[in-house]
PDB file of N, CA and C in Angstrom:
ATOM      1  N   UNK A   1     -18.041   2.688 -25.603  1.00  0.00           N
ATOM      2  CA  UNK A   1     -17.024   2.428 -24.605  1.00  0.00           C
ATOM      3  C   UNK A   1     -15.658   2.326 -25.278  1.00  0.00           C
ATOM      4  N   UNK A   2     -14.665   2.777 -24.586  1.00  0.00           N
ATOM      5  CA  UNK A   2     -13.304   2.712 -25.123  1.00  0.00           C
ATOM      6  C   UNK A   2     -12.571   1.513 -24.536  1.00  0.00           C
ATOM      7  N   UNK A   3     -11.446   1.234 -25.115  1.00  0.00           N
ATOM      8  CA  UNK A   3     -10.628   0.113 -24.648  1.00  0.00           C
ATOM      9  C   UNK A   3      -9.608   0.546 -23.610  1.00  0.00           C
ATOM     10  N   UNK A   4      -9.752   1.741 -23.088  1.00  0.00           N
ATOM     11  CA  UNK A   4      -8.797   2.242 -22.108  1.00  0.00           C
ATOM     12  C   UNK A   4      -9.078   1.645 -20.732  1.00  0.00           C
ATOM     13  N   UNK A   5      -8.009   1.373 -20.024  1.00  0.00           N
ATOM     14  CA  UNK A   5      -8.110   0.874 -18.654  1.00  0.00           C
ATOM     15  C   UNK A   5      -8.388   2.075 -17.746  1.00  0.00           C
ATOM     16  N   UNK A   6      -9.338   1.943 -16.806  1.00  0.00           N
ATOM     17  CA  UNK A   6      -9.612   3.066 -15.898  1.00  0.00           C
ATOM     18  C   UNK A   6      -8.359   3.463 -15.115  1.00  0.00           C
ATOM     19  N   UNK A   7      -8.206   4.749 -14.896  1.00  0.00           N
ATOM     20  CA  UNK A   7      -7.018   5.269 -14.207  1.00  0.00           C
ATOM     21  C   UNK A   7      -6.910   4.713 -12.793  1.00  0.00           C
ATOM     22  N   UNK A   8      -8.048   4.476 -12.136  1.00  0.00           N
ATOM     23  CA  UNK A   8      -8.002   3.914 -10.778  1.00  0.00           C
ATOM     24  C   UNK A   8      -7.385   2.518 -10.787  1.00  0.00           C
ATOM     25  N   UNK A   9      -7.656   1.756 -11.842  1.00  0.00           N
ATOM     26  CA  UNK A   9      -7.082   0.416 -11.967  1.00  0.00           C
ATOM     27  C   UNK A   9      -5.558   0.492 -12.097  1.00  0.00           C
ATOM     28  N   UNK A  10      -5.084   1.423 -12.888  1.00  0.00           N
ATOM     29  CA  UNK A  10      -3.639   1.596 -13.084  1.00  0.00           C
ATOM     30  C   UNK A  10      -2.973   2.023 -11.779  1.00  0.00           C
ATOM     31  N   UNK A  11      -3.597   2.949 -11.063  1.00  0.00           N
ATOM     32  CA  UNK A  11      -3.042   3.426  -9.792  1.00  0.00           C
ATOM     33  C   UNK A  11      -2.983   2.294  -8.778  1.00  0.00           C
ATOM     34  N   UNK A  12      -4.065   1.506  -8.682  1.00  0.00           N
ATOM     35  CA  UNK A  12      -4.089   0.392  -7.733  1.00  0.00           C
ATOM     36  C   UNK A  12      -3.006  -0.631  -8.063  1.00  0.00           C
ATOM     37  N   UNK A  13      -2.802  -0.927  -9.336  1.00  0.00           N
ATOM     38  CA  UNK A  13      -1.755  -1.875  -9.736  1.00  0.00           C
ATOM     39  C   UNK A  13      -0.379  -1.374  -9.309  1.00  0.00           C
ATOM     40  N   UNK A  14      -0.128  -0.098  -9.519  1.00  0.00           N
ATOM     41  CA  UNK A  14       1.175   0.477  -9.158  1.00  0.00           C
ATOM     42  C   UNK A  14       1.361   0.529  -7.641  1.00  0.00           C
ATOM     43  N   UNK A  15       0.272   0.785  -6.893  1.00  0.00           N
ATOM     44  CA  UNK A  15       0.362   0.795  -5.432  1.00  0.00           C
ATOM     45  C   UNK A  15       0.712  -0.595  -4.915  1.00  0.00           C
ATOM     46  N   UNK A  16       0.063  -1.629  -5.457  1.00  0.00           N
ATOM     47  CA  UNK A  16       0.362  -2.992  -5.024  1.00  0.00           C
ATOM     48  C   UNK A  16       1.779  -3.406  -5.416  1.00  0.00           C
ATOM     49  N   UNK A  17       2.225  -2.981  -6.574  1.00  0.00           N
ATOM     50  CA  UNK A  17       3.588  -3.293  -7.003  1.00  0.00           C
ATOM     51  C   UNK A  17       4.599  -2.670  -6.037  1.00  0.00           C
ATOM     52  N   UNK A  18       4.377  -1.418  -5.656  1.00  0.00           N
ATOM     53  CA  UNK A  18       5.267  -0.735  -4.714  1.00  0.00           C
ATOM     54  C   UNK A  18       5.208  -1.408  -3.344  1.00  0.00           C
ATOM     55  N   UNK A  19       4.009  -1.765  -2.893  1.00  0.00           N
ATOM     56  CA  UNK A  19       3.836  -2.428  -1.601  1.00  0.00           C
ATOM     57  C   UNK A  19       4.649  -3.728  -1.560  1.00  0.00           C
ATOM     58  N   UNK A  20       4.546  -4.542  -2.601  1.00  0.00           N
ATOM     59  CA  UNK A  20       5.311  -5.780  -2.666  1.00  0.00           C
ATOM     60  C   UNK A  20       6.805  -5.522  -2.686  1.00  0.00           C
ATOM     61  N   UNK A  21       7.209  -4.499  -3.406  1.00  0.00           N
ATOM     62  CA  UNK A  21       8.623  -4.124  -3.484  1.00  0.00           C
ATOM     63  C   UNK A  21       9.157  -3.751  -2.100  1.00  0.00           C
ATOM     64  N   UNK A  22       8.404  -2.945  -1.369  1.00  0.00           N
ATOM     65  CA  UNK A  22       8.831  -2.511  -0.036  1.00  0.00           C
ATOM     66  C   UNK A  22       8.848  -3.690   0.930  1.00  0.00           C
ATOM     67  N   UNK A  23       7.869  -4.589   0.839  1.00  0.00           N
ATOM     68  CA  UNK A  23       7.808  -5.731   1.748  1.00  0.00           C
ATOM     69  C   UNK A  23       8.985  -6.680   1.554  1.00  0.00           C
ATOM     70  N   UNK A  24       9.536  -6.736   0.350  1.00  0.00           N
ATOM     71  CA  UNK A  24      10.675  -7.620   0.087  1.00  0.00           C
ATOM     72  C   UNK A  24      12.010  -7.015   0.499  1.00  0.00           C
ATOM     73  N   UNK A  25      12.022  -5.729   0.854  1.00  0.00           N
ATOM     74  CA  UNK A  25      13.269  -5.078   1.280  1.00  0.00           C
ATOM     75  C   UNK A  25      13.717  -5.631   2.626  1.00  0.00           C
ATOM     76  N   UNK A  26      15.006  -5.466   2.909  1.00  0.00           N
ATOM     77  CA  UNK A  26      15.511  -5.895   4.211  1.00  0.00           C
ATOM     78  C   UNK A  26      14.920  -4.997   5.299  1.00  0.00           C
ATOM     79  N   UNK A  27      14.859  -5.523   6.506  1.00  0.00           N
ATOM     80  CA  UNK A  27      14.216  -4.802   7.608  1.00  0.00           C
ATOM     81  C   UNK A  27      14.930  -3.504   7.954  1.00  0.00           C
ATOM     82  N   UNK A  28      16.211  -3.399   7.653  1.00  0.00           N
ATOM     83  CA  UNK A  28      16.941  -2.181   7.998  1.00  0.00           C
ATOM     84  C   UNK A  28      16.984  -1.156   6.863  1.00  0.00           C
ATOM     85  N   UNK A  29      16.308  -1.428   5.754  1.00  0.00           N
ATOM     86  CA  UNK A  29      16.262  -0.465   4.641  1.00  0.00           C
ATOM     87  C   UNK A  29      15.472   0.772   5.073  1.00  0.00           C
ATOM     88  N   UNK A  30      16.001   1.935   4.758  1.00  0.00           N
ATOM     89  CA  UNK A  30      15.370   3.189   5.166  1.00  0.00           C
ATOM     90  C   UNK A  30      13.945   3.307   4.629  1.00  0.00           C
ATOM     91  N   UNK A  31      13.742   2.935   3.383  1.00  0.00           N
ATOM     92  CA  UNK A  31      12.412   3.032   2.779  1.00  0.00           C
ATOM     93  C   UNK A  31      11.404   2.188   3.542  1.00  0.00           C
ATOM     94  N   UNK A  32      11.792   0.974   3.917  1.00  0.00           N
ATOM     95  CA  UNK A  32      10.876   0.092   4.641  1.00  0.00           C
ATOM     96  C   UNK A  32      10.600   0.631   6.038  1.00  0.00           C
ATOM     97  N   UNK A  33      11.622   1.179   6.685  1.00  0.00           N
ATOM     98  CA  UNK A  33      11.416   1.736   8.025  1.00  0.00           C
ATOM     99  C   UNK A  33      10.482   2.937   7.980  1.00  0.00           C
ATOM    100  N   UNK A  34      10.643   3.794   6.986  1.00  0.00           N
ATOM    101  CA  UNK A  34       9.784   4.976   6.869  1.00  0.00           C
ATOM    102  C   UNK A  34       8.357   4.561   6.519  1.00  0.00           C
ATOM    103  N   UNK A  35       8.205   3.615   5.594  1.00  0.00           N
ATOM    104  CA  UNK A  35       6.871   3.182   5.173  1.00  0.00           C
ATOM    105  C   UNK A  35       6.116   2.526   6.325  1.00  0.00           C
ATOM    106  N   UNK A  36       6.823   1.858   7.225  1.00  0.00           N
ATOM    107  CA  UNK A  36       6.170   1.177   8.328  1.00  0.00           C
ATOM    108  C   UNK A  36       6.094   1.978   9.607  1.00  0.00           C
ATOM    109  N   UNK A  37       6.570   3.209   9.582  1.00  0.00           N
ATOM    110  CA  UNK A  37       6.585   4.006  10.809  1.00  0.00           C
ATOM    111  C   UNK A  37       5.208   4.588  11.114  1.00  0.00           C
ATOM    112  N   UNK A  38       5.003   4.886  12.360  1.00  0.00           N
ATOM    113  CA  UNK A  38       3.749   5.481  12.816  1.00  0.00           C
ATOM    114  C   UNK A  38       4.054   6.858  13.394  1.00  0.00           C
ATOM    115  N   UNK A  39       3.181   7.794  13.123  1.00  0.00           N
ATOM    116  CA  UNK A  39       3.330   9.151  13.638  1.00  0.00           C
ATOM    117  C   UNK A  39       2.508   9.250  14.915  1.00  0.00           C
ATOM    118  N   UNK A  40       3.065   9.875  15.939  1.00  0.00           N
ATOM    119  CA  UNK A  40       2.410   9.925  17.234  1.00  0.00           C
ATOM    120  C   UNK A  40       1.307  10.956  17.363  1.00  0.00           C
ATOM    121  N   UNK A  41       1.150  11.831  16.397  1.00  0.00           N
ATOM    122  CA  UNK A  41       0.135  12.880  16.533  1.00  0.00           C
ATOM    123  C   UNK A  41      -1.183  12.466  15.884  1.00  0.00           C
ATOM    124  N   UNK A  42      -2.243  13.215  16.211  1.00  0.00           N
ATOM    125  CA  UNK A  42      -3.545  12.952  15.607  1.00  0.00           C
ATOM    126  C   UNK A  42      -3.559  13.493  14.185  1.00  0.00           C
ATOM    127  N   UNK A  43      -4.349  12.871  13.357  1.00  0.00           N
ATOM    128  CA  UNK A  43      -4.451  13.339  11.977  1.00  0.00           C
ATOM    129  C   UNK A  43      -5.373  14.546  11.903  1.00  0.00           C
ATOM    130  N   UNK A  44      -5.145  15.370  10.927  1.00  0.00           N
ATOM    131  CA  UNK A  44      -5.981  16.548  10.731  1.00  0.00           C
ATOM    132  C   UNK A  44      -7.303  16.150  10.082  1.00  0.00           C
ATOM    133  N   UNK A  45      -8.286  17.002  10.220  1.00  0.00           N
ATOM    134  CA  UNK A  45      -9.574  16.774   9.579  1.00  0.00           C
ATOM    135  C   UNK A  45      -9.357  16.757   8.071  1.00  0.00           C
ATOM    136  N   UNK A  46      -9.946  15.777   7.422  1.00  0.00           N
ATOM    137  CA  UNK A  46      -9.817  15.676   5.976  1.00  0.00           C
ATOM    138  C   UNK A  46      -8.677  14.796   5.506  1.00  0.00           C
ATOM    139  N   UNK A  47      -7.822  14.354   6.414  1.00  0.00           N
ATOM    140  CA  UNK A  47      -6.710  13.484   6.046  1.00  0.00           C
ATOM    141  C   UNK A  47      -7.162  12.029   6.128  1.00  0.00           C
ATOM    142  N   UNK A  48      -6.516  11.139   5.397  1.00  0.00           N
ATOM    143  CA  UNK A  48      -6.913   9.728   5.424  1.00  0.00           C
ATOM    144  C   UNK A  48      -6.798   9.135   6.825  1.00  0.00           C
ATOM    145  N   UNK A  49      -7.768   8.328   7.190  1.00  0.00           N
ATOM    146  CA  UNK A  49      -7.756   7.689   8.495  1.00  0.00           C
ATOM    147  C   UNK A  49      -6.934   6.420   8.521  1.00  0.00           C
ATOM    148  N   UNK A  50      -6.492   5.962   7.364  1.00  0.00           N
ATOM    149  CA  UNK A  50      -5.736   4.721   7.267  1.00  0.00           C
ATOM    150  C   UNK A  50      -4.284   5.018   6.924  1.00  0.00           C
ATOM    151  N   UNK A  51      -3.418   4.115   7.371  1.00  0.00           N
ATOM    152  CA  UNK A  51      -2.018   4.220   6.980  1.00  0.00           C
ATOM    153  C   UNK A  51      -1.862   3.632   5.575  1.00  0.00           C
ATOM    154  N   UNK A  52      -0.712   3.854   4.969  1.00  0.00           N
ATOM    155  CA  UNK A  52      -0.477   3.288   3.638  1.00  0.00           C
ATOM    156  C   UNK A  52      -0.500   1.764   3.690  1.00  0.00           C
ATOM    157  N   UNK A  53       0.035   1.183   4.761  1.00  0.00           N
ATOM    158  CA  UNK A  53       0.015  -0.274   4.900  1.00  0.00           C
ATOM    159  C   UNK A  53      -1.412  -0.797   4.960  1.00  0.00           C
ATOM    160  N   UNK A  54      -2.252  -0.140   5.757  1.00  0.00           N
ATOM    161  CA  UNK A  54      -3.646  -0.565   5.864  1.00  0.00           C
ATOM    162  C   UNK A  54      -4.353  -0.468   4.516  1.00  0.00           C
ATOM    163  N   UNK A  55      -4.116   0.631   3.799  1.00  0.00           N
ATOM    164  CA  UNK A  55      -4.732   0.821   2.484  1.00  0.00           C
ATOM    165  C   UNK A  55      -4.279  -0.258   1.507  1.00  0.00           C
ATOM    166  N   UNK A  56      -2.988  -0.556   1.499  1.00  0.00           N
ATOM    167  CA  UNK A  56      -2.453  -1.531   0.558  1.00  0.00           C
ATOM    168  C   UNK A  56      -2.914  -2.947   0.890  1.00  0.00           C
ATOM    169  N   UNK A  57      -2.999  -3.276   2.172  1.00  0.00           N
ATOM    170  CA  UNK A  57      -3.494  -4.593   2.566  1.00  0.00           C
ATOM    171  C   UNK A  57      -4.952  -4.758   2.162  1.00  0.00           C
ATOM    172  N   UNK A  58      -5.752  -3.714   2.354  1.00  0.00           N
ATOM    173  CA  UNK A  58      -7.158  -3.745   1.954  1.00  0.00           C
ATOM    174  C   UNK A  58      -7.285  -3.909   0.436  1.00  0.00           C
ATOM    175  N   UNK A  59      -6.447  -3.221  -0.303  1.00  0.00           N
ATOM    176  CA  UNK A  59      -6.442  -3.312  -1.760  1.00  0.00           C
ATOM    177  C   UNK A  59      -6.052  -4.719  -2.209  1.00  0.00           C
ATOM    178  N   UNK A  60      -5.064  -5.312  -1.562  1.00  0.00           N
ATOM    179  CA  UNK A  60      -4.633  -6.668  -1.910  1.00  0.00           C
ATOM    180  C   UNK A  60      -5.755  -7.667  -1.653  1.00  0.00           C
ATOM    181  N   UNK A  61      -6.437  -7.528  -0.521  1.00  0.00           N
ATOM    182  CA  UNK A  61      -7.545  -8.431  -0.216  1.00  0.00           C
ATOM    183  C   UNK A  61      -8.678  -8.264  -1.221  1.00  0.00           C
ATOM    184  N   UNK A  62      -8.934  -7.031  -1.633  1.00  0.00           N
ATOM    185  CA  UNK A  62      -9.986  -6.751  -2.610  1.00  0.00           C
ATOM    186  C   UNK A  62      -9.684  -7.446  -3.934  1.00  0.00           C
ATOM    187  N   UNK A  63      -8.413  -7.535  -4.271  1.00  0.00           N
ATOM    188  CA  UNK A  63      -8.001  -8.165  -5.528  1.00  0.00           C
ATOM    189  C   UNK A  63      -7.784  -9.669  -5.368  1.00  0.00           C
ATOM    190  N   UNK A  64      -8.031 -10.202  -4.177  1.00  0.00           N
ATOM    191  CA  UNK A  64      -7.913 -11.637  -3.970  1.00  0.00           C
ATOM    192  C   UNK A  64      -6.509 -12.118  -3.664  1.00  0.00           C
ATOM    193  N   UNK A  65      -5.637 -11.231  -3.261  1.00  0.00           N
ATOM    194  CA  UNK A  65      -4.270 -11.619  -2.912  1.00  0.00           C
ATOM    195  C   UNK A  65      -4.181 -11.807  -1.399  1.00  0.00           C
ATOM    196  N   UNK A  66      -3.398 -12.766  -0.983  1.00  0.00           N
ATOM    197  CA  UNK A  66      -3.211 -13.008   0.437  1.00  0.00           C
ATOM    198  C   UNK A  66      -2.116 -12.092   0.951  1.00  0.00           C
ATOM    199  N   UNK A  67      -2.436 -11.306   1.955  1.00  0.00           N
ATOM    200  CA  UNK A  67      -1.489 -10.319   2.470  1.00  0.00           C
ATOM    201  C   UNK A  67      -0.296 -11.007   3.107  1.00  0.00           C
ATOM    202  N   UNK A  68      -0.519 -12.096   3.827  1.00  0.00           N
ATOM    203  CA  UNK A  68       0.611 -12.764   4.475  1.00  0.00           C
ATOM    204  C   UNK A  68       1.554 -13.389   3.441  1.00  0.00           C
ATOM    205  N   UNK A  69       1.097 -13.597   2.208  1.00  0.00           N
ATOM    206  CA  UNK A  69       1.994 -14.053   1.149  1.00  0.00           C
ATOM    207  C   UNK A  69       2.875 -12.909   0.666  1.00  0.00           C
ATOM    208  N   UNK A  70       2.376 -11.680   0.784  1.00  0.00           N
ATOM    209  CA  UNK A  70       3.147 -10.520   0.353  1.00  0.00           C
ATOM    210  C   UNK A  70       4.226 -10.161   1.362  1.00  0.00           C
ATOM    211  N   UNK A  71       3.994 -10.475   2.626  1.00  0.00           N
ATOM    212  CA  UNK A  71       4.970 -10.148   3.672  1.00  0.00           C
ATOM    213  C   UNK A  71       5.898 -11.329   3.885  1.00  0.00           C
ATOM    214  N   UNK A  72       7.212 -11.076   3.966  1.00  0.00           N
ATOM    215  CA  UNK A  72       8.171 -12.176   4.167  1.00  0.00           C
ATOM    216  C   UNK A  72       8.097 -12.748   5.564  1.00  0.00           C
TER     217      UNK A  72
END
């Protein structure tokens, strides 16, 4: 076994870091508005069924972080 951290672990850490960064932005910041927006059309076959917010909240819970602590 090597001492390398699995790539999925690194990706998850960076996703949570970005999620926290976006949650701390002001409500009128363009990035926060785009990240929290919903598209009115149906998703195509093969596309993720979850939004980025749903994915990040699930990831935070998996790591034992409280989601309501991440949101202001």
